[in-house]
Amino acid sequence: MQRARLLAAATVSIAELGYARVSVAHITARAGVSRRTFYDLFASREECLIAVMQGALERVVSEIAALELTGVGWCERVRSGLFVILSFLDREPLLARVCVVGALQGGPRVLAWREDILERLAEILDQGRGESSARARTCSTVLTAEGLVGAAFAIVYARLSTRKPQEPLRGLLSELMSMIVLPYLGPEVARQEQRRSLPPLERAARPNGLLDSVIEQADPLLEIPMRLTYRTARVLQATAEYSGASNRRIGEQAGIPDQGQVSKLLARLKGLGLLVNTGVGPVKGEPNAWHLTELGERITQHLALNTNVHKDTDHAP
């Protein structure tokens, strides 16, 4: 959980300040974690940034794998994968700024990691030569794919580097696909790609026309009939950091001195399936021992990136 909090804090800090201006102190202060804990988990700020980007990459790769594109033609595979990437960047604007904009300010290891990803993308586009006409195959080279990846990256970078409101990145899908297929499949196919409509927002259209699994990850907050406030988030975070703690310990860490309020809130979160009590309780003369459930862990990790938690009283379910 502390690792997740540090990664979330690093993401927010880098997105707000830029990688060059963010220090380990910024990250640990936002996460509420000590410098010692940071260095127990990461050798350096650069390693932390790589972990953030690696986590984002794994999520994108998992979503693309869920589309089951094996055996599908090159053009449709590229279009489906590109839609997943653009949708992910739309859905995770902080991660998008970190991975696309912030990474360029990173050190040698971060830049090497980024170059490896671009090379892998270029290898995928270079497979288009296998579907090209003999003439197009002669004109296209490995450099063609590298140039296309660089051009697409530059377009996305330009939109993410400004803080002005922009249209969703997924709206670039057809134009980018037209640019990508042009050197391999010719102007007619490029025009067809340019005219194609976007898949439905919440789902990616599979190449055979059927709807595949939901692209956008469900917000875990939708699973509970209660608005989680700042105070509730502090209780969940305290329970995550001090698993097995008593009511009093959690209240102290969450900044809620009134034990009656703490007990009431803990009972409510237990009823919502976010907490479980493994202690025998005061009735039998022993303290409670609170732990996060699986849903509680997901909610707490989600809240670590949420900067809009309301600082007011909790609303009953």
C-alpha atoms as a PDB file:
ATOM      1  CA  MET A   1       0.000   0.000   0.000  1.00  0.00           C
ATOM      2  CA  GLN A   2       2.862   2.403   0.759  1.00  0.00           C
ATOM      3  CA  ARG A   3       4.324   1.664  -2.670  1.00  0.00           C
ATOM      4  CA  ALA A   4       0.963   2.451  -4.265  1.00  0.00           C
ATOM      5  CA  ARG A   5       0.733   5.706  -2.321  1.00  0.00           C
ATOM      6  CA  LEU A   6       4.220   6.737  -3.418  1.00  0.00           C
ATOM      7  CA  LEU A   7       3.485   5.930  -7.064  1.00  0.00           C
ATOM      8  CA  ALA A   8       0.240   7.898  -6.878  1.00  0.00           C
ATOM      9  CA  ALA A   9       1.998  10.833  -5.227  1.00  0.00           C
ATOM     10  CA  ALA A  10       4.776  10.744  -7.822  1.00  0.00           C
ATOM     11  CA  THR A  11       2.214  10.764 -10.620  1.00  0.00           C
ATOM     12  CA  VAL A  12       0.375  13.793  -9.265  1.00  0.00           C
ATOM     13  CA  SER A  13       3.569  15.686  -8.382  1.00  0.00           C
ATOM     14  CA  ILE A  14       5.237  15.131 -11.765  1.00  0.00           C
ATOM     15  CA  ALA A  15       2.042  15.988 -13.640  1.00  0.00           C
ATOM     16  CA  GLU A  16       1.725  19.251 -11.710  1.00  0.00           C
ATOM     17  CA  LEU A  17       5.352  20.389 -11.437  1.00  0.00           C
ATOM     18  CA  GLY A  18       7.229  18.512 -14.152  1.00  0.00           C
ATOM     19  CA  TYR A  19       9.811  15.819 -13.497  1.00  0.00           C
ATOM     20  CA  ALA A  20      12.751  18.237 -13.348  1.00  0.00           C
ATOM     21  CA  ARG A  21      11.212  20.184 -10.448  1.00  0.00           C
ATOM     22  CA  VAL A  22       9.948  17.238  -8.399  1.00  0.00           C
ATOM     23  CA  SER A  23      12.092  15.966  -5.554  1.00  0.00           C
ATOM     24  CA  VAL A  24      11.814  12.902  -3.362  1.00  0.00           C
ATOM     25  CA  ALA A  25      10.651  15.281  -0.619  1.00  0.00           C
ATOM     26  CA  HIS A  26       7.708  16.392  -2.787  1.00  0.00           C
ATOM     27  CA  ILE A  27       6.679  12.786  -3.335  1.00  0.00           C
ATOM     28  CA  THR A  28       7.003  11.622   0.258  1.00  0.00           C
ATOM     29  CA  ALA A  29       5.218  14.681   1.630  1.00  0.00           C
ATOM     30  CA  ARG A  30       2.248  14.177  -0.664  1.00  0.00           C
ATOM     31  CA  ALA A  31       2.136  10.452   0.065  1.00  0.00           C
ATOM     32  CA  GLY A  32       2.546  10.914   3.816  1.00  0.00           C
ATOM     33  CA  VAL A  33       5.413   8.411   3.761  1.00  0.00           C
ATOM     34  CA  SER A  34       8.926   8.793   5.160  1.00  0.00           C
ATOM     35  CA  ARG A  35      12.037   9.213   3.020  1.00  0.00           C
ATOM     36  CA  ARG A  36      13.370   6.011   4.535  1.00  0.00           C
ATOM     37  CA  THR A  37      10.334   4.109   3.295  1.00  0.00           C
ATOM     38  CA  PHE A  38      10.769   5.653  -0.149  1.00  0.00           C
ATOM     39  CA  TYR A  39      14.355   4.460  -0.396  1.00  0.00           C
ATOM     40  CA  ASP A  40      13.362   1.048   0.926  1.00  0.00           C
ATOM     41  CA  LEU A  41      11.121   0.717  -2.132  1.00  0.00           C
ATOM     42  CA  PHE A  42      12.942   2.719  -4.811  1.00  0.00           C
ATOM     43  CA  ALA A  43      16.643   3.298  -5.355  1.00  0.00           C
ATOM     44  CA  SER A  44      16.030   6.764  -6.765  1.00  0.00           C
ATOM     45  CA  ARG A  45      13.459   9.229  -8.057  1.00  0.00           C
ATOM     46  CA  GLU A  46      14.201   7.927 -11.554  1.00  0.00           C
ATOM     47  CA  GLU A  47      13.365   4.361 -10.552  1.00  0.00           C
ATOM     48  CA  CYS A  48      10.076   5.607  -9.114  1.00  0.00           C
ATOM     49  CA  LEU A  49       9.193   7.291 -12.417  1.00  0.00           C
ATOM     50  CA  ILE A  50      10.020   4.112 -14.335  1.00  0.00           C
ATOM     51  CA  ALA A  51       7.719   2.172 -12.004  1.00  0.00           C
ATOM     52  CA  VAL A  52       4.905   4.640 -12.727  1.00  0.00           C
ATOM     53  CA  MET A  53       5.379   4.269 -16.490  1.00  0.00           C
ATOM     54  CA  GLN A  54       5.766   0.499 -16.277  1.00  0.00           C
ATOM     55  CA  GLY A  55       2.479   0.258 -14.405  1.00  0.00           C
ATOM     56  CA  ALA A  56       0.734   2.303 -17.093  1.00  0.00           C
ATOM     57  CA  LEU A  57       2.274   0.172 -19.836  1.00  0.00           C
ATOM     58  CA  GLU A  58       1.125  -3.048 -18.198  1.00  0.00           C
ATOM     59  CA  ARG A  59      -2.442  -1.759 -18.015  1.00  0.00           C
ATOM     60  CA  VAL A  60      -2.439  -0.790 -21.697  1.00  0.00           C
ATOM     61  CA  VAL A  61      -0.911  -4.108 -22.754  1.00  0.00           C
ATOM     62  CA  SER A  62      -3.521  -5.968 -20.708  1.00  0.00           C
ATOM     63  CA  GLU A  63      -6.364  -4.049 -22.359  1.00  0.00           C
ATOM     64  CA  ILE A  64      -4.997  -4.708 -25.837  1.00  0.00           C
ATOM     65  CA  ALA A  65      -4.532  -8.407 -25.030  1.00  0.00           C
ATOM     66  CA  ALA A  66      -8.178  -8.572 -23.952  1.00  0.00           C
ATOM     67  CA  LEU A  67      -9.193  -7.643 -27.520  1.00  0.00           C
ATOM     68  CA  GLU A  68      -7.880 -11.014 -28.746  1.00  0.00           C
ATOM     69  CA  LEU A  69      -6.432  -9.664 -31.992  1.00  0.00           C
ATOM     70  CA  THR A  70      -4.473 -12.782 -32.927  1.00  0.00           C
ATOM     71  CA  GLY A  71      -5.042 -13.581 -36.594  1.00  0.00           C
ATOM     72  CA  VAL A  72      -6.523 -10.157 -37.334  1.00  0.00           C
ATOM     73  CA  GLY A  73      -5.116  -8.104 -40.227  1.00  0.00           C
ATOM     74  CA  TRP A  74      -2.380  -5.569 -39.593  1.00  0.00           C
ATOM     75  CA  CYS A  75      -4.518  -2.490 -40.228  1.00  0.00           C
ATOM     76  CA  GLU A  76      -7.253  -3.542 -37.811  1.00  0.00           C
ATOM     77  CA  ARG A  77      -4.743  -4.570 -35.165  1.00  0.00           C
ATOM     78  CA  VAL A  78      -3.055  -1.179 -35.341  1.00  0.00           C
ATOM     79  CA  ARG A  79      -6.369   0.691 -35.244  1.00  0.00           C
ATOM     80  CA  SER A  80      -7.674  -1.304 -32.259  1.00  0.00           C
ATOM     81  CA  GLY A  81      -4.410  -0.927 -30.350  1.00  0.00           C
ATOM     82  CA  LEU A  82      -4.179   2.776 -31.087  1.00  0.00           C
ATOM     83  CA  PHE A  83      -7.728   3.296 -29.863  1.00  0.00           C
ATOM     84  CA  VAL A  84      -6.877   1.559 -26.585  1.00  0.00           C
ATOM     85  CA  ILE A  85      -3.803   3.761 -26.109  1.00  0.00           C
ATOM     86  CA  LEU A  86      -5.617   7.023 -26.869  1.00  0.00           C
ATOM     87  CA  SER A  87      -8.585   6.063 -24.678  1.00  0.00           C
ATOM     88  CA  PHE A  88      -6.259   5.197 -21.816  1.00  0.00           C
ATOM     89  CA  LEU A  89      -4.515   8.578 -22.088  1.00  0.00           C
ATOM     90  CA  ASP A  90      -7.910  10.308 -22.078  1.00  0.00           C
ATOM     91  CA  ARG A  91      -9.022   8.320 -19.059  1.00  0.00           C
ATOM     92  CA  GLU A  92      -5.790   8.902 -17.108  1.00  0.00           C
ATOM     93  CA  PRO A  93      -4.754  12.520 -17.807  1.00  0.00           C
ATOM     94  CA  LEU A  94      -2.193  12.622 -14.988  1.00  0.00           C
ATOM     95  CA  LEU A  95      -0.506   9.415 -16.136  1.00  0.00           C
ATOM     96  CA  ALA A  96      -0.669  10.706 -19.698  1.00  0.00           C
ATOM     97  CA  ARG A  97       1.275  13.843 -18.794  1.00  0.00           C
ATOM     98  CA  VAL A  98       3.822  11.834 -16.827  1.00  0.00           C
ATOM     99  CA  CYS A  99       4.413   9.156 -19.480  1.00  0.00           C
ATOM    100  CA  VAL A 100       4.332  11.384 -22.566  1.00  0.00           C
ATOM    101  CA  VAL A 101       5.532  14.776 -21.331  1.00  0.00           C
ATOM    102  CA  GLY A 102       7.345  14.171 -18.046  1.00  0.00           C
ATOM    103  CA  ALA A 103       9.381  11.224 -19.337  1.00  0.00           C
ATOM    104  CA  LEU A 104      11.286  13.483 -21.721  1.00  0.00           C
ATOM    105  CA  GLN A 105      12.778  15.267 -18.690  1.00  0.00           C
ATOM    106  CA  GLY A 106      13.956  12.015 -17.147  1.00  0.00           C
ATOM    107  CA  GLY A 107      17.469  10.694 -16.808  1.00  0.00           C
ATOM    108  CA  PRO A 108      19.265   8.159 -19.022  1.00  0.00           C
ATOM    109  CA  ARG A 109      17.338   5.136 -17.725  1.00  0.00           C
ATOM    110  CA  VAL A 110      13.963   6.819 -18.241  1.00  0.00           C
ATOM    111  CA  LEU A 111      14.909   7.927 -21.760  1.00  0.00           C
ATOM    112  CA  ALA A 112      16.201   4.440 -22.580  1.00  0.00           C
ATOM    113  CA  TRP A 113      12.919   2.940 -21.332  1.00  0.00           C
ATOM    114  CA  ARG A 114      10.973   5.389 -23.517  1.00  0.00           C
ATOM    115  CA  GLU A 115      13.098   4.608 -26.578  1.00  0.00           C
ATOM    116  CA  ASP A 116      12.485   0.896 -26.082  1.00  0.00           C
ATOM    117  CA  ILE A 117       8.721   1.472 -26.160  1.00  0.00           C
ATOM    118  CA  LEU A 118       8.971   3.572 -29.329  1.00  0.00           C
ATOM    119  CA  GLU A 119      11.091   0.872 -30.980  1.00  0.00           C
ATOM    120  CA  ARG A 120       8.496  -1.762 -30.125  1.00  0.00           C
ATOM    121  CA  LEU A 121       5.754   0.396 -31.627  1.00  0.00           C
ATOM    122  CA  ALA A 122       7.850   0.949 -34.762  1.00  0.00           C
ATOM    123  CA  GLU A 123       8.286  -2.817 -35.145  1.00  0.00           C
ATOM    124  CA  ILE A 124       4.504  -3.215 -35.123  1.00  0.00           C
ATOM    125  CA  LEU A 125       4.019  -0.526 -37.778  1.00  0.00           C
ATOM    126  CA  ASP A 126       6.839  -1.961 -39.883  1.00  0.00           C
ATOM    127  CA  GLN A 127       4.753  -5.120 -40.268  1.00  0.00           C
ATOM    128  CA  GLY A 128       2.621  -3.063 -42.646  1.00  0.00           C
ATOM    129  CA  ARG A 129       5.212  -3.688 -45.335  1.00  0.00           C
ATOM    130  CA  GLY A 130       4.019  -7.283 -45.430  1.00  0.00           C
ATOM    131  CA  GLU A 131       0.600  -6.119 -46.621  1.00  0.00           C
ATOM    132  CA  SER A 132       1.909  -3.497 -49.055  1.00  0.00           C
ATOM    133  CA  SER A 133       1.983  -3.661 -52.813  1.00  0.00           C
ATOM    134  CA  ALA A 134       5.344  -4.444 -54.394  1.00  0.00           C
ATOM    135  CA  ARG A 135       5.873  -0.775 -55.222  1.00  0.00           C
ATOM    136  CA  ALA A 136       4.961   0.451 -51.731  1.00  0.00           C
ATOM    137  CA  ARG A 137       7.145  -2.248 -50.199  1.00  0.00           C
ATOM    138  CA  THR A 138      10.099  -0.963 -52.182  1.00  0.00           C
ATOM    139  CA  CYS A 139       9.538   2.624 -51.081  1.00  0.00           C
ATOM    140  CA  SER A 140       8.945   1.828 -47.381  1.00  0.00           C
ATOM    141  CA  THR A 141      11.756   1.026 -44.961  1.00  0.00           C
ATOM    142  CA  VAL A 142      12.226   0.556 -41.250  1.00  0.00           C
ATOM    143  CA  LEU A 143      12.787   4.299 -41.087  1.00  0.00           C
ATOM    144  CA  THR A 144       9.252   4.801 -42.393  1.00  0.00           C
ATOM    145  CA  ALA A 145       7.803   3.114 -39.315  1.00  0.00           C
ATOM    146  CA  GLU A 146      10.113   5.028 -36.996  1.00  0.00           C
ATOM    147  CA  GLY A 147       9.032   8.294 -38.609  1.00  0.00           C
ATOM    148  CA  LEU A 148       5.349   7.438 -38.236  1.00  0.00           C
ATOM    149  CA  VAL A 149       5.752   6.602 -34.556  1.00  0.00           C
ATOM    150  CA  GLY A 150       7.677   9.827 -34.008  1.00  0.00           C
ATOM    151  CA  ALA A 151       5.038  11.880 -35.809  1.00  0.00           C
ATOM    152  CA  ALA A 152       2.154  10.323 -33.857  1.00  0.00           C
ATOM    153  CA  PHE A 153       4.040  10.823 -30.586  1.00  0.00           C
ATOM    154  CA  ALA A 154       4.739  14.471 -31.422  1.00  0.00           C
ATOM    155  CA  ILE A 155       1.061  15.119 -32.127  1.00  0.00           C
ATOM    156  CA  VAL A 156      -0.042  13.571 -28.834  1.00  0.00           C
ATOM    157  CA  TYR A 157       2.772  15.345 -26.974  1.00  0.00           C
ATOM    158  CA  ALA A 158       1.711  18.727 -28.357  1.00  0.00           C
ATOM    159  CA  ARG A 159      -1.806  18.251 -27.023  1.00  0.00           C
ATOM    160  CA  LEU A 160      -0.741  17.009 -23.608  1.00  0.00           C
ATOM    161  CA  SER A 161       1.969  19.622 -23.065  1.00  0.00           C
ATOM    162  CA  THR A 162      -0.567  22.442 -22.981  1.00  0.00           C
ATOM    163  CA  ARG A 163      -2.902  22.843 -20.030  1.00  0.00           C
ATOM    164  CA  LYS A 164      -5.619  24.384 -22.184  1.00  0.00           C
ATOM    165  CA  PRO A 165      -8.789  22.293 -22.637  1.00  0.00           C
ATOM    166  CA  GLN A 166      -8.427  19.958 -25.593  1.00  0.00           C
ATOM    167  CA  GLU A 167     -10.647  17.577 -27.496  1.00  0.00           C
ATOM    168  CA  PRO A 168     -10.295  13.937 -26.383  1.00  0.00           C
ATOM    169  CA  LEU A 169      -7.195  12.283 -27.829  1.00  0.00           C
ATOM    170  CA  ARG A 170      -9.273   9.387 -29.155  1.00  0.00           C
ATOM    171  CA  GLY A 171     -10.687  11.894 -31.627  1.00  0.00           C
ATOM    172  CA  LEU A 172      -7.308  11.695 -33.385  1.00  0.00           C
ATOM    173  CA  LEU A 173      -7.781   8.007 -34.193  1.00  0.00           C
ATOM    174  CA  SER A 174      -8.982   8.279 -37.788  1.00  0.00           C
ATOM    175  CA  GLU A 175      -6.506  11.002 -38.776  1.00  0.00           C
ATOM    176  CA  LEU A 176      -3.577   9.130 -37.237  1.00  0.00           C
ATOM    177  CA  MET A 177      -4.630   5.889 -38.892  1.00  0.00           C
ATOM    178  CA  SER A 178      -4.880   7.627 -42.239  1.00  0.00           C
ATOM    179  CA  MET A 179      -1.320   8.896 -41.800  1.00  0.00           C
ATOM    180  CA  ILE A 180      -0.046   5.462 -40.703  1.00  0.00           C
ATOM    181  CA  VAL A 181      -1.547   3.372 -43.504  1.00  0.00           C
ATOM    182  CA  LEU A 182      -0.768   5.797 -46.339  1.00  0.00           C
ATOM    183  CA  PRO A 183       2.806   4.629 -47.099  1.00  0.00           C
ATOM    184  CA  TYR A 184       1.842   0.963 -46.823  1.00  0.00           C
ATOM    185  CA  LEU A 185      -1.687   0.609 -48.224  1.00  0.00           C
ATOM    186  CA  GLY A 186      -2.003   3.689 -50.412  1.00  0.00           C
ATOM    187  CA  PRO A 187      -4.197   6.797 -50.597  1.00  0.00           C
ATOM    188  CA  GLU A 188      -7.522   4.997 -51.065  1.00  0.00           C
ATOM    189  CA  VAL A 189      -7.227   2.998 -47.855  1.00  0.00           C
ATOM    190  CA  ALA A 190      -5.926   6.128 -46.121  1.00  0.00           C
ATOM    191  CA  ARG A 191      -9.077   8.001 -47.133  1.00  0.00           C
ATOM    192  CA  GLN A 192     -11.228   5.114 -45.898  1.00  0.00           C
ATOM    193  CA  GLU A 193      -9.498   5.202 -42.519  1.00  0.00           C
ATOM    194  CA  GLN A 194      -9.984   8.942 -42.327  1.00  0.00           C
ATOM    195  CA  ARG A 195     -13.727   8.542 -42.855  1.00  0.00           C
ATOM    196  CA  ARG A 196     -14.235   5.710 -40.365  1.00  0.00           C
ATOM    197  CA  SER A 197     -16.214   6.545 -37.242  1.00  0.00           C
ATOM    198  CA  LEU A 198     -14.897   5.998 -33.741  1.00  0.00           C
ATOM    199  CA  PRO A 199     -15.843   2.909 -31.734  1.00  0.00           C
ATOM    200  CA  PRO A 200     -18.385   3.521 -28.938  1.00  0.00           C
ATOM    201  CA  LEU A 201     -16.823   5.413 -26.049  1.00  0.00           C
ATOM    202  CA  GLU A 202     -17.193   2.718 -23.428  1.00  0.00           C
ATOM    203  CA  ARG A 203     -16.242  -0.232 -25.608  1.00  0.00           C
ATOM    204  CA  ALA A 204     -13.745  -1.017 -28.343  1.00  0.00           C
ATOM    205  CA  ALA A 205     -15.131  -2.410 -31.558  1.00  0.00           C
ATOM    206  CA  ARG A 206     -13.516  -5.693 -32.495  1.00  0.00           C
ATOM    207  CA  PRO A 207     -12.395  -6.090 -36.114  1.00  0.00           C
ATOM    208  CA  ASN A 208     -15.273  -8.484 -36.824  1.00  0.00           C
ATOM    209  CA  GLY A 209     -17.778  -5.820 -35.833  1.00  0.00           C
ATOM    210  CA  LEU A 210     -18.668  -7.356 -32.463  1.00  0.00           C
ATOM    211  CA  LEU A 211     -18.301  -5.407 -29.249  1.00  0.00           C
ATOM    212  CA  ASP A 212     -15.457  -6.534 -27.056  1.00  0.00           C
ATOM    213  CA  SER A 213     -14.790  -6.011 -23.373  1.00  0.00           C
ATOM    214  CA  VAL A 214     -15.146  -2.606 -21.775  1.00  0.00           C
ATOM    215  CA  ILE A 215     -12.086  -0.452 -22.398  1.00  0.00           C
ATOM    216  CA  GLU A 216     -12.606   2.005 -19.603  1.00  0.00           C
ATOM    217  CA  GLN A 217     -11.935   0.579 -16.174  1.00  0.00           C
ATOM    218  CA  ALA A 218     -14.884   0.761 -13.832  1.00  0.00           C
ATOM    219  CA  ASP A 219     -14.561   3.354 -11.112  1.00  0.00           C
ATOM    220  CA  PRO A 220     -14.538   1.369  -7.847  1.00  0.00           C
ATOM    221  CA  LEU A 221     -16.391   4.223  -6.153  1.00  0.00           C
ATOM    222  CA  LEU A 222     -19.446   3.247  -8.170  1.00  0.00           C
ATOM    223  CA  GLU A 223     -19.608  -0.006  -6.224  1.00  0.00           C
ATOM    224  CA  ILE A 224     -20.567   1.662  -2.951  1.00  0.00           C
ATOM    225  CA  PRO A 225     -23.771   3.627  -2.209  1.00  0.00           C
ATOM    226  CA  MET A 226     -21.997   6.417  -0.354  1.00  0.00           C
ATOM    227  CA  ARG A 227     -19.959   9.506  -1.182  1.00  0.00           C
ATOM    228  CA  LEU A 228     -16.516   9.124   0.324  1.00  0.00           C
ATOM    229  CA  THR A 229     -15.384  12.344   1.951  1.00  0.00           C
ATOM    230  CA  TYR A 230     -11.985  13.555   3.090  1.00  0.00           C
ATOM    231  CA  ARG A 231     -12.580  12.169   6.585  1.00  0.00           C
ATOM    232  CA  THR A 232     -13.589   8.772   5.230  1.00  0.00           C
ATOM    233  CA  ALA A 233     -10.533   8.681   2.989  1.00  0.00           C
ATOM    234  CA  ARG A 234      -8.286   9.422   5.985  1.00  0.00           C
ATOM    235  CA  VAL A 235      -9.812   6.506   7.910  1.00  0.00           C
ATOM    236  CA  LEU A 236      -9.268   4.135   4.981  1.00  0.00           C
ATOM    237  CA  GLN A 237      -5.689   5.323   4.527  1.00  0.00           C
ATOM    238  CA  ALA A 238      -4.991   4.961   8.238  1.00  0.00           C
ATOM    239  CA  THR A 239      -6.353   1.420   8.173  1.00  0.00           C
ATOM    240  CA  ALA A 240      -4.180   0.618   5.164  1.00  0.00           C
ATOM    241  CA  GLU A 241      -1.060   1.905   6.883  1.00  0.00           C
ATOM    242  CA  TYR A 242      -1.835   0.383  10.292  1.00  0.00           C
ATOM    243  CA  SER A 243      -3.623  -2.827   9.404  1.00  0.00           C
ATOM    244  CA  GLY A 244      -5.044  -4.502  12.512  1.00  0.00           C
ATOM    245  CA  ALA A 245      -5.205  -1.209  14.441  1.00  0.00           C
ATOM    246  CA  SER A 246      -7.803  -0.393  17.067  1.00  0.00           C
ATOM    247  CA  ASN A 247     -10.503   2.266  16.873  1.00  0.00           C
ATOM    248  CA  ARG A 248      -8.369   4.660  18.928  1.00  0.00           C
ATOM    249  CA  ARG A 249      -5.239   4.195  16.777  1.00  0.00           C
ATOM    250  CA  ILE A 250      -7.148   4.736  13.550  1.00  0.00           C
ATOM    251  CA  GLY A 251      -8.860   7.820  14.973  1.00  0.00           C
ATOM    252  CA  GLU A 252      -5.502   9.291  15.970  1.00  0.00           C
ATOM    253  CA  GLN A 253      -3.970   8.665  12.547  1.00  0.00           C
ATOM    254  CA  ALA A 254      -7.045   9.994  10.731  1.00  0.00           C
ATOM    255  CA  GLY A 255      -7.204  13.125  12.874  1.00  0.00           C
ATOM    256  CA  ILE A 256     -10.598  12.281  14.425  1.00  0.00           C
ATOM    257  CA  PRO A 257     -10.296  12.609  18.227  1.00  0.00           C
ATOM    258  CA  ASP A 258     -13.957  11.800  18.960  1.00  0.00           C
ATOM    259  CA  GLN A 259     -14.040   8.041  19.519  1.00  0.00           C
ATOM    260  CA  GLY A 260     -17.797   7.943  19.071  1.00  0.00           C
ATOM    261  CA  GLN A 261     -17.471   9.365  15.537  1.00  0.00           C
ATOM    262  CA  VAL A 262     -14.637   6.976  14.734  1.00  0.00           C
ATOM    263  CA  SER A 263     -16.613   3.949  15.919  1.00  0.00           C
ATOM    264  CA  LYS A 264     -19.674   5.023  13.945  1.00  0.00           C
ATOM    265  CA  LEU A 265     -17.656   5.588  10.782  1.00  0.00           C
ATOM    266  CA  LEU A 266     -15.784   2.289  11.095  1.00  0.00           C
ATOM    267  CA  ALA A 267     -19.067   0.422  11.536  1.00  0.00           C
ATOM    268  CA  ARG A 268     -20.498   2.138   8.471  1.00  0.00           C
ATOM    269  CA  LEU A 269     -17.451   1.244   6.352  1.00  0.00           C
ATOM    270  CA  LYS A 270     -17.706  -2.340   7.597  1.00  0.00           C
ATOM    271  CA  GLY A 271     -21.336  -2.424   6.501  1.00  0.00           C
ATOM    272  CA  LEU A 272     -20.283  -1.221   3.046  1.00  0.00           C
ATOM    273  CA  GLY A 273     -17.798  -4.079   2.735  1.00  0.00           C
ATOM    274  CA  LEU A 274     -14.711  -1.861   2.869  1.00  0.00           C
ATOM    275  CA  LEU A 275     -13.439  -2.964   6.287  1.00  0.00           C
ATOM    276  CA  VAL A 276     -13.428  -6.140   8.326  1.00  0.00           C
ATOM    277  CA  ASN A 277     -12.893  -6.436  12.064  1.00  0.00           C
ATOM    278  CA  THR A 278     -10.882  -9.445  13.222  1.00  0.00           C
ATOM    279  CA  GLY A 279     -10.708  -8.362  16.865  1.00  0.00           C
ATOM    280  CA  VAL A 280     -13.064  -9.521  19.607  1.00  0.00           C
ATOM    281  CA  GLY A 281     -14.082  -5.969  20.455  1.00  0.00           C
ATOM    282  CA  PRO A 282     -14.643  -4.015  23.664  1.00  0.00           C
ATOM    283  CA  VAL A 283     -17.568  -6.210  24.683  1.00  0.00           C
ATOM    284  CA  LYS A 284     -15.075  -8.953  25.546  1.00  0.00           C
ATOM    285  CA  GLY A 285     -12.474  -6.581  26.880  1.00  0.00           C
ATOM    286  CA  GLU A 286     -10.158  -6.600  23.837  1.00  0.00           C
ATOM    287  CA  PRO A 287      -9.677  -3.919  21.151  1.00  0.00           C
ATOM    288  CA  ASN A 288     -11.028  -4.143  17.648  1.00  0.00           C
ATOM    289  CA  ALA A 289      -8.586  -5.003  14.846  1.00  0.00           C
ATOM    290  CA  TRP A 290      -9.515  -3.358  11.555  1.00  0.00           C
ATOM    291  CA  HIS A 291      -8.333  -4.417   8.095  1.00  0.00           C
ATOM    292  CA  LEU A 292      -9.212  -3.371   4.539  1.00  0.00           C
ATOM    293  CA  THR A 293     -11.186  -5.793   2.430  1.00  0.00           C
ATOM    294  CA  GLU A 294     -10.246  -6.343  -1.221  1.00  0.00           C
ATOM    295  CA  LEU A 295     -12.772  -3.694  -2.246  1.00  0.00           C
ATOM    296  CA  GLY A 296     -11.459  -1.398   0.479  1.00  0.00           C
ATOM    297  CA  GLU A 297      -7.928  -1.729  -0.896  1.00  0.00           C
ATOM    298  CA  ARG A 298      -9.071  -0.835  -4.404  1.00  0.00           C
ATOM    299  CA  ILE A 299     -11.034   2.155  -3.108  1.00  0.00           C
ATOM    300  CA  THR A 300      -8.063   3.388  -1.066  1.00  0.00           C
ATOM    301  CA  GLN A 301      -5.683   3.116  -4.016  1.00  0.00           C
ATOM    302  CA  HIS A 302      -8.204   4.985  -6.182  1.00  0.00           C
ATOM    303  CA  LEU A 303      -8.505   7.771  -3.609  1.00  0.00           C
ATOM    304  CA  ALA A 304      -4.738   8.189  -3.523  1.00  0.00           C
ATOM    305  CA  LEU A 305      -4.991   9.821  -6.973  1.00  0.00           C
ATOM    306  CA  ASN A 306      -8.229  11.678  -6.269  1.00  0.00           C
ATOM    307  CA  THR A 307      -7.550  15.320  -5.406  1.00  0.00           C
ATOM    308  CA  ASN A 308     -11.245  16.267  -5.238  1.00  0.00           C
ATOM    309  CA  VAL A 309     -12.324  14.473  -2.054  1.00  0.00           C
ATOM    310  CA  HIS A 310     -14.794  16.712  -0.213  1.00  0.00           C
ATOM    311  CA  LYS A 311     -13.778  17.979   3.215  1.00  0.00           C
ATOM    312  CA  ASP A 312     -17.182  17.793   4.848  1.00  0.00           C
ATOM    313  CA  THR A 313     -19.298  15.338   6.764  1.00  0.00           C
ATOM    314  CA  ASP A 314     -20.105  11.906   5.473  1.00  0.00           C
ATOM    315  CA  HIS A 315     -23.455  11.203   3.910  1.00  0.00           C
ATOM    316  CA  ALA A 316     -25.271   8.118   5.019  1.00  0.00           C
ATOM    317  CA  PRO A 317     -25.916   5.433   2.379  1.00  0.00           C
END
